[in-house]
Amino acid sequence: LATDPAVTSKFDTDTDGWIAVDLNAPGQYDPIIGTPYAPELVLTGHPGGCAIQSDPDGYSIWFWEAPAKFLGDQSSAYGNALTWDWRQVYQNGSSIDDADAVLVGGGLTLVADAGPNPGSSWQSCSIALTEGAGWRIGTMSGRAPTQSEFLSVLSSLTALRIRGEFISGGDTSSLDNVLLESDGASETSPKSAADGATLSVSATAVTAAFPGFFYVEQDSRASGIRVEMSGHTLARGMRADIVGTIQTLPSGERYIAALRAWPNGDGYVAPLFMQAQRIGGEDFVQDGQLAQCGVSGGKGLNNIGLLVRTAGKFHYLDSHSFTLDDGSTSIKCVVPDGVTIEPNWEWVGVTGVSSCQREADVVRRLLLIRTQTDITPL
């Protein structure tokens, strides 16, 4: 899986260096006026924590201002996107229409409108980082930047601001999940990153989708990974762009905790047929570090996260699980709600995602069946 770097603020444990600043807006978006304010952290985010700030002075329009990690040479972000979640917690006054995002650098100030002002529910915003995405120089009535000017701003970014005030009277706003996406794709597996590292994965095929999580895989079938995201809308047969952090389940399986995941075309990957003893595989070590644990007695390359197919003698466990034994070893298969297991099957072929489960200190093979058609009685 090709991974892309991304700068992010999730606000789960602190406000991550963000401040609130007053601007002489609309009309002037740099420099700030007065003294910056320190927002608070509350646990009403989207999800987890978020930054919250009440109108500091009641007359100037205030913006969120990003910390240093979002600044400097961000030219690799060109062609990608700046995304965030926001909402108005409290409002008492008439609506203000203004620029929503501000980039300062290279002697220029770029501003853009992200669309309708947020309401009391969380709303996600995304603005493409290209000269043709509605950015203007100086004010919203200014001209569009050239590609050279846009790159000049990104290559020496000194300020990144997101609007926090939308009402002429008193208001309170929240900010969450700010992402500055970048290029610099690498074929290094995301599983080689340490827990907590932020990364993005582009245009990978979705091989399985379940409530709360799904799996994506390279077209070459060299690597696949679980992605967890509550309420996702991805489905098998899609391609997905994903931004999130790498984590490890108690079972030992590495996964991406997605901050964002959205469709990007169609994609299909055929399953790899393998003996049961090959499912799971050995430990995957990259650059001297354990990237993905293997299974007990695992043989061959690690394939946790890949779509595979196998066949063997059937043994019923319960309404949601059974085992297969092809003579090399036995593997547990788990089915989702809506898939029927017939206790009188004898031999079956199955397609599913290679996963694992931990029993005490032993990591066992596990096959996640997707639908009824993944099971073929023989």
Protein backbone atom coordinates (compact mmCIF):
# COMPACT_ATOMS: atom_id res chain seq x y z
CA LEU A 1 0.00 0.00 0.00
CA ALA A 2 1.38 3.39 -0.95
CA THR A 3 1.25 5.77 2.00
CA ASP A 4 1.25 9.56 1.94
CA PRO A 5 2.29 11.83 4.81
CA ALA A 6 -0.29 14.15 6.36
CA VAL A 7 -0.16 16.83 9.05
CA THR A 8 -3.08 16.53 11.44
CA SER A 9 -4.62 17.82 14.65
CA LYS A 10 -7.20 15.54 16.28
CA PHE A 11 -7.50 17.38 19.64
CA ASP A 12 -7.96 14.15 21.57
CA THR A 13 -5.60 15.06 24.41
CA ASP A 14 -4.90 18.79 24.02
CA THR A 15 -5.44 21.75 21.68
CA ASP A 16 -2.20 20.84 19.85
CA GLY A 17 -0.82 24.39 19.76
CA TRP A 18 -3.80 26.01 18.00
CA ILE A 19 -4.70 29.57 19.03
CA ALA A 20 -7.58 31.94 18.31
CA VAL A 21 -6.71 35.29 16.70
CA ASP A 22 -8.64 38.43 15.80
CA LEU A 23 -8.43 39.73 12.24
CA ASN A 24 -9.55 42.97 10.67
CA ALA A 25 -11.92 40.95 8.51
CA PRO A 26 -13.71 40.93 6.21
CA GLY A 27 -11.17 42.64 4.03
CA GLN A 28 -7.88 42.05 5.80
CA TYR A 29 -6.65 38.60 6.79
CA ASP A 30 -3.09 39.35 7.83
CA PRO A 31 -1.63 40.44 10.20
CA ILE A 32 -3.59 39.58 13.33
CA ILE A 33 -4.75 42.32 15.67
CA GLY A 34 -4.41 42.24 19.42
CA THR A 35 -3.25 39.30 21.52
CA PRO A 36 -4.00 35.66 20.61
CA TYR A 37 -6.31 33.59 22.79
CA ALA A 38 -5.84 30.03 24.06
CA PRO A 39 -8.82 27.79 23.20
CA GLU A 40 -10.07 25.07 25.53
CA LEU A 41 -10.22 21.30 25.04
CA VAL A 42 -13.60 19.60 25.49
CA LEU A 43 -14.63 15.97 24.97
CA THR A 44 -17.50 16.69 22.58
CA GLY A 45 -15.51 16.26 19.38
CA HIS A 46 -16.08 14.36 16.16
CA PRO A 47 -15.25 12.00 17.84
CA GLY A 48 -13.11 12.36 21.00
CA GLY A 49 -11.87 15.80 21.94
CA CYS A 50 -12.08 19.09 20.09
CA ALA A 51 -10.97 22.70 20.47
CA ILE A 52 -13.63 25.20 21.58
CA GLN A 53 -13.53 28.99 21.69
CA SER A 54 -16.07 31.68 22.54
CA ASP A 55 -16.07 35.04 20.78
CA PRO A 56 -13.06 36.77 22.37
CA ASP A 57 -14.11 40.41 22.01
CA GLY A 58 -17.53 40.60 20.40
CA TYR A 59 -16.59 42.84 17.47
CA SER A 60 -13.60 41.54 15.47
CA ILE A 61 -13.90 38.38 13.39
CA TRP A 62 -11.73 35.67 14.90
CA PHE A 63 -10.00 32.72 13.24
CA TRP A 64 -8.31 29.54 14.41
CA GLU A 65 -4.54 29.67 13.71
CA ALA A 66 -2.49 26.52 13.15
CA PRO A 67 0.70 25.57 15.04
CA ALA A 68 4.17 25.37 13.51
CA LYS A 69 3.87 21.78 12.26
CA PHE A 70 1.43 23.00 9.58
CA LEU A 71 3.81 25.72 8.41
CA GLY A 72 7.09 26.02 6.50
CA ASP A 73 7.62 24.23 3.21
CA GLN A 74 4.27 22.56 2.46
CA SER A 75 4.73 22.51 -1.32
CA SER A 76 4.09 18.74 -1.31
CA ALA A 77 0.49 19.55 -0.28
CA TYR A 78 -0.17 21.11 -3.68
CA GLY A 79 -2.99 19.30 -5.46
CA ASN A 80 -4.22 17.70 -2.25
CA ALA A 81 -6.62 19.21 0.29
CA LEU A 82 -7.03 21.05 3.56
CA THR A 83 -9.88 19.42 5.50
CA TRP A 84 -11.47 19.96 8.89
CA ASP A 85 -14.63 19.50 10.96
CA TRP A 86 -16.40 22.44 12.58
CA ARG A 87 -19.62 23.52 14.23
CA GLN A 88 -21.22 26.48 16.00
CA VAL A 89 -21.94 25.54 19.60
CA TYR A 90 -23.73 28.79 20.43
CA GLN A 91 -24.98 31.66 18.30
CA ASN A 92 -26.86 34.87 19.03
CA GLY A 93 -26.90 37.29 16.11
CA SER A 94 -27.01 37.59 12.34
CA SER A 95 -24.89 35.45 10.03
CA ILE A 96 -21.60 36.74 8.59
CA ASP A 97 -20.40 35.62 5.16
CA ASP A 98 -16.63 35.67 4.93
CA ALA A 99 -13.56 33.75 3.81
CA ASP A 100 -13.23 30.46 5.69
CA ALA A 101 -9.58 29.52 5.10
CA VAL A 102 -6.48 31.69 4.95
CA LEU A 103 -2.96 30.82 3.75
CA VAL A 104 -0.14 33.31 4.21
CA GLY A 105 3.31 32.92 2.68
CA GLY A 106 5.68 34.12 -0.01
CA GLY A 107 4.46 37.70 0.43
CA LEU A 108 0.88 36.73 -0.47
CA THR A 109 -2.35 36.03 1.41
CA LEU A 110 -4.77 33.53 -0.13
CA VAL A 111 -8.38 33.19 1.04
CA ALA A 112 -11.15 30.73 0.16
CA ASP A 113 -14.83 30.13 0.95
CA ALA A 114 -15.61 26.56 2.08
CA GLY A 115 -19.36 26.87 1.54
CA PRO A 116 -22.28 27.38 3.95
CA ASN A 117 -21.52 28.37 7.52
CA PRO A 118 -21.65 25.44 9.96
CA GLY A 119 -24.67 24.84 12.16
CA SER A 120 -24.98 23.24 15.56
CA SER A 121 -24.11 19.77 14.21
CA TRP A 122 -20.64 18.75 13.08
CA GLN A 123 -19.91 19.52 9.43
CA SER A 124 -16.90 18.40 7.40
CA CYS A 125 -15.14 20.78 5.01
CA SER A 126 -12.51 20.23 2.32
CA ILE A 127 -10.77 22.78 0.10
CA ALA A 128 -8.44 21.63 -2.67
CA LEU A 129 -4.97 23.17 -2.56
CA THR A 130 -4.81 24.31 -6.18
CA GLU A 131 -5.18 27.66 -7.89
CA GLY A 132 -8.46 26.58 -9.53
CA ALA A 133 -10.30 25.67 -6.31
CA GLY A 134 -11.76 29.09 -5.52
CA TRP A 135 -8.77 30.65 -3.78
CA ARG A 136 -8.35 34.43 -4.17
CA ILE A 137 -5.50 36.81 -3.46
CA GLY A 138 -6.08 39.23 -0.55
CA THR A 139 -9.89 39.12 -0.36
CA MET A 140 -12.74 37.07 -1.79
CA SER A 141 -13.11 39.72 -4.51
CA GLY A 142 -9.45 39.43 -5.50
CA ARG A 143 -8.12 37.57 -8.52
CA ALA A 144 -7.29 33.88 -8.57
CA PRO A 145 -3.62 33.05 -7.97
CA THR A 146 -1.45 31.52 -10.65
CA GLN A 147 0.07 28.10 -10.10
CA SER A 148 3.43 29.75 -9.45
CA GLU A 149 1.90 32.05 -6.83
CA PHE A 150 0.07 29.20 -5.13
CA LEU A 151 3.24 27.14 -4.92
CA SER A 152 5.12 30.17 -3.60
CA VAL A 153 2.64 30.44 -0.71
CA LEU A 154 2.78 26.73 0.12
CA SER A 155 6.57 26.55 -0.06
CA SER A 156 6.98 29.21 2.65
CA LEU A 157 3.76 29.03 4.64
CA THR A 158 3.82 31.37 7.65
CA ALA A 159 0.15 31.17 8.69
CA LEU A 160 -2.80 28.83 8.18
CA ARG A 161 -6.13 30.03 9.54
CA ILE A 162 -9.68 28.65 9.65
CA ARG A 163 -12.62 30.89 10.46
CA GLY A 164 -14.16 30.54 13.92
CA GLU A 165 -16.74 33.34 13.91
CA PHE A 166 -19.94 33.25 11.85
CA ILE A 167 -22.31 35.55 13.79
CA SER A 168 -22.24 39.32 14.31
CA GLY A 169 -23.15 38.78 17.96
CA GLY A 170 -21.80 36.40 20.57
CA ASP A 171 -20.97 32.88 19.47
CA THR A 172 -18.97 29.78 20.42
CA SER A 173 -17.34 27.48 17.86
CA SER A 174 -15.54 24.13 17.84
CA LEU A 175 -12.84 22.70 15.56
CA ASP A 176 -11.74 19.10 15.05
CA ASN A 177 -9.80 16.76 12.71
CA VAL A 178 -7.74 19.30 10.78
CA LEU A 179 -5.73 17.62 8.02
CA LEU A 180 -3.19 19.02 5.58
CA GLU A 181 -2.71 16.25 3.02
CA SER A 182 0.55 15.88 1.16
CA ASP A 183 2.17 13.92 -1.63
CA GLY A 184 5.37 11.98 -1.25
CA ALA A 185 3.86 8.54 -1.67
CA SER A 186 5.98 5.60 -0.59
CA GLU A 187 5.57 1.88 -1.17
CA THR A 188 6.52 1.31 2.46
CA SER A 189 3.73 -0.61 4.16
CA PRO A 190 1.68 1.48 6.59
CA LYS A 191 2.15 -1.40 9.02
CA SER A 192 5.82 -0.43 9.31
CA ALA A 193 4.86 2.84 11.03
CA ALA A 194 4.72 3.16 14.81
CA ASP A 195 1.37 3.27 16.58
CA GLY A 196 -0.01 6.81 16.47
CA ALA A 197 1.72 7.79 13.23
CA THR A 198 -0.50 9.71 10.81
CA LEU A 199 -0.61 8.61 7.19
CA SER A 200 -2.83 8.53 4.15
CA VAL A 201 -3.51 5.76 1.65
CA SER A 202 -4.74 6.56 -1.83
CA ALA A 203 -7.04 4.76 -4.30
CA THR A 204 -6.85 1.29 -2.74
CA ALA A 205 -9.46 -1.35 -3.50
CA VAL A 206 -12.02 -2.14 -0.79
CA THR A 207 -12.15 -5.94 -0.51
CA ALA A 208 -14.54 -6.24 2.43
CA ALA A 209 -16.84 -3.92 4.34
CA PHE A 210 -18.43 -4.55 7.74
CA PRO A 211 -20.16 -2.23 10.23
CA GLY A 212 -17.46 -0.03 11.73
CA PHE A 213 -14.54 -1.34 9.66
CA PHE A 214 -13.41 -2.43 6.21
CA TYR A 215 -10.35 -3.80 4.43
CA VAL A 216 -8.33 -2.34 1.55
CA GLU A 217 -5.70 -4.02 -0.60
CA GLN A 218 -3.11 -3.23 -3.23
CA ASP A 219 -3.96 -4.21 -6.79
CA SER A 220 -0.82 -6.36 -6.78
CA ARG A 221 -2.21 -8.23 -3.72
CA ALA A 222 1.10 -7.66 -1.94
CA SER A 223 -0.42 -5.88 1.06
CA GLY A 224 -3.78 -5.25 2.72
CA ILE A 225 -4.92 -3.64 5.94
CA ARG A 226 -7.96 -3.22 8.16
CA VAL A 227 -9.46 0.29 8.46
CA GLU A 228 -11.72 1.19 11.38
CA MET A 229 -14.23 4.03 11.02
CA SER A 230 -17.64 4.26 12.65
CA GLY A 231 -20.42 4.95 10.18
CA HIS A 232 -18.24 4.58 7.08
CA THR A 233 -19.98 4.41 3.68
CA LEU A 234 -17.38 2.32 1.83
CA ALA A 235 -18.41 -0.89 0.08
CA ARG A 236 -16.71 -3.79 -1.63
CA GLY A 237 -15.83 -2.88 -5.23
CA MET A 238 -14.95 0.73 -4.43
CA ARG A 239 -11.57 2.38 -4.18
CA ALA A 240 -10.91 4.45 -1.09
CA ASP A 241 -8.75 7.37 -0.04
CA ILE A 242 -7.98 7.18 3.67
CA VAL A 243 -6.35 9.45 6.23
CA GLY A 244 -5.79 8.19 9.76
CA THR A 245 -3.38 6.84 12.34
CA ILE A 246 -1.82 3.39 12.50
CA GLN A 247 -2.78 1.35 15.56
CA THR A 248 -2.67 -2.26 16.82
CA LEU A 249 -5.63 -4.37 17.95
CA PRO A 250 -5.29 -6.55 21.08
CA SER A 251 -5.14 -9.50 18.68
CA GLY A 252 -1.91 -8.10 17.21
CA GLU A 253 -3.47 -7.05 13.89
CA ARG A 254 -2.35 -3.62 12.68
CA TYR A 255 -5.03 -1.28 11.40
CA ILE A 256 -5.72 2.31 10.37
CA ALA A 257 -7.97 4.33 12.69
CA ALA A 258 -9.47 6.51 9.97
CA LEU A 259 -10.09 10.19 10.46
CA ARG A 260 -11.47 10.35 6.94
CA ALA A 261 -12.28 7.75 4.30
CA TRP A 262 -14.07 8.47 1.05
CA PRO A 263 -14.72 6.72 -2.30
CA ASN A 264 -12.34 7.27 -5.22
CA GLY A 265 -13.63 5.20 -8.14
CA ASP A 266 -14.06 1.46 -8.57
CA GLY A 267 -11.63 -1.32 -7.69
CA TYR A 268 -11.64 -5.10 -7.56
CA VAL A 269 -9.04 -7.54 -6.26
CA ALA A 270 -9.38 -11.31 -6.72
CA PRO A 271 -8.64 -13.56 -3.72
CA LEU A 272 -5.41 -15.53 -3.42
CA PHE A 273 -5.96 -19.27 -3.06
CA MET A 274 -3.76 -20.85 -0.37
CA GLN A 275 -3.48 -23.77 1.99
CA ALA A 276 -4.90 -23.17 5.44
CA GLN A 277 -1.42 -23.44 6.99
CA ARG A 278 -0.28 -20.51 4.82
CA ILE A 279 -3.07 -18.18 5.94
CA GLY A 280 -1.73 -15.61 8.40
CA GLY A 281 1.91 -16.33 7.68
CA GLU A 282 5.08 -15.53 9.58
CA ASP A 283 6.04 -12.28 11.31
CA PHE A 284 6.45 -9.36 8.90
CA VAL A 285 9.59 -7.41 9.79
CA GLN A 286 10.55 -4.22 7.98
CA ASP A 287 13.66 -2.12 8.70
CA GLY A 288 14.37 -4.29 11.73
CA GLN A 289 10.96 -3.61 13.31
CA LEU A 290 7.98 -5.95 13.69
CA ALA A 291 5.40 -4.48 11.32
CA GLN A 292 2.78 -7.21 11.67
CA CYS A 293 2.89 -10.27 13.89
CA GLY A 294 2.35 -13.64 12.28
CA VAL A 295 0.27 -16.53 13.59
CA SER A 296 1.36 -19.46 15.69
CA GLY A 297 3.02 -21.98 13.39
CA GLY A 298 2.71 -19.55 10.49
CA LYS A 299 4.44 -20.41 7.22
CA GLY A 300 5.45 -18.13 4.37
CA LEU A 301 4.82 -14.44 3.82
CA ASN A 302 2.56 -12.57 6.20
CA ASN A 303 -0.85 -12.10 4.56
CA ILE A 304 -2.97 -10.64 7.34
CA GLY A 305 -5.28 -8.14 5.67
CA LEU A 306 -5.38 -9.90 2.29
CA LEU A 307 -8.41 -11.44 0.62
CA VAL A 308 -7.83 -15.21 0.36
CA ARG A 309 -9.65 -18.41 -0.57
CA THR A 310 -9.23 -21.90 0.80
CA ALA A 311 -11.18 -25.16 1.14
CA GLY A 312 -11.41 -28.01 3.60
CA LYS A 313 -13.46 -30.30 5.81
CA PHE A 314 -16.22 -28.41 7.62
CA HIS A 315 -16.85 -28.45 11.39
CA TYR A 316 -19.78 -26.48 12.82
CA LEU A 317 -19.08 -24.32 15.91
CA ASP A 318 -22.11 -22.04 16.26
CA SER A 319 -24.40 -19.83 14.18
CA HIS A 320 -21.58 -17.37 13.47
CA SER A 321 -18.49 -19.57 13.16
CA PHE A 322 -17.05 -22.83 11.89
CA THR A 323 -13.66 -24.37 11.20
CA LEU A 324 -12.08 -25.78 8.05
CA ASP A 325 -9.32 -28.40 7.96
CA ASP A 326 -7.57 -29.10 4.65
CA GLY A 327 -5.13 -31.57 6.16
CA SER A 328 -2.41 -28.98 6.70
CA THR A 329 -4.11 -27.27 9.67
CA SER A 330 -7.46 -26.00 10.90
CA ILE A 331 -8.68 -22.41 10.59
CA LYS A 332 -11.61 -20.67 12.25
CA CYS A 333 -14.05 -18.82 9.97
CA VAL A 334 -16.42 -16.13 11.25
CA VAL A 335 -19.51 -14.90 9.41
CA PRO A 336 -21.44 -11.62 9.84
CA ASP A 337 -25.14 -11.31 10.60
CA GLY A 338 -27.27 -12.45 7.70
CA VAL A 339 -24.97 -15.28 6.59
CA THR A 340 -26.32 -18.77 7.24
CA ILE A 341 -24.17 -21.72 8.31
CA GLU A 342 -25.65 -25.15 7.63
CA PRO A 343 -24.52 -27.68 10.29
CA ASN A 344 -24.69 -30.59 7.82
CA TRP A 345 -22.09 -29.25 5.38
CA GLU A 346 -19.16 -31.62 4.92
CA TRP A 347 -16.64 -29.89 2.67
CA VAL A 348 -16.71 -26.22 1.72
CA GLY A 349 -14.67 -23.63 -0.14
CA VAL A 350 -14.55 -20.14 1.41
CA THR A 351 -13.38 -16.66 0.54
CA GLY A 352 -12.57 -14.18 3.29
CA VAL A 353 -10.09 -11.74 4.72
CA SER A 354 -7.05 -13.14 6.50
CA SER A 355 -7.13 -11.88 10.08
CA CYS A 356 -6.08 -13.17 13.51
CA GLN A 357 -7.27 -13.60 17.07
CA ARG A 358 -5.32 -13.92 20.30
CA GLU A 359 -5.97 -16.70 22.78
CA ALA A 360 -3.87 -16.04 25.88
CA ASP A 361 -0.43 -15.43 24.35
CA VAL A 362 -1.06 -17.38 21.16
CA VAL A 363 -2.07 -15.66 17.89
CA ARG A 364 -4.44 -17.86 15.86
CA ARG A 365 -5.52 -17.74 12.21
CA LEU A 366 -8.93 -16.21 11.55
CA LEU A 367 -10.87 -15.86 8.30
CA LEU A 368 -13.52 -13.15 8.06
CA ILE A 369 -16.27 -14.21 5.65
CA ARG A 370 -18.06 -11.33 3.90
CA THR A 371 -21.32 -12.68 2.39
CA GLN A 372 -23.22 -15.90 1.76
CA THR A 373 -21.70 -16.22 -1.72
CA ASP A 374 -18.24 -16.50 -0.13
CA ILE A 375 -19.17 -20.02 1.04
CA THR A 376 -19.38 -22.84 -1.52
CA PRO A 377 -20.46 -26.27 -0.23
CA LEU A 378 -18.48 -28.93 -2.13
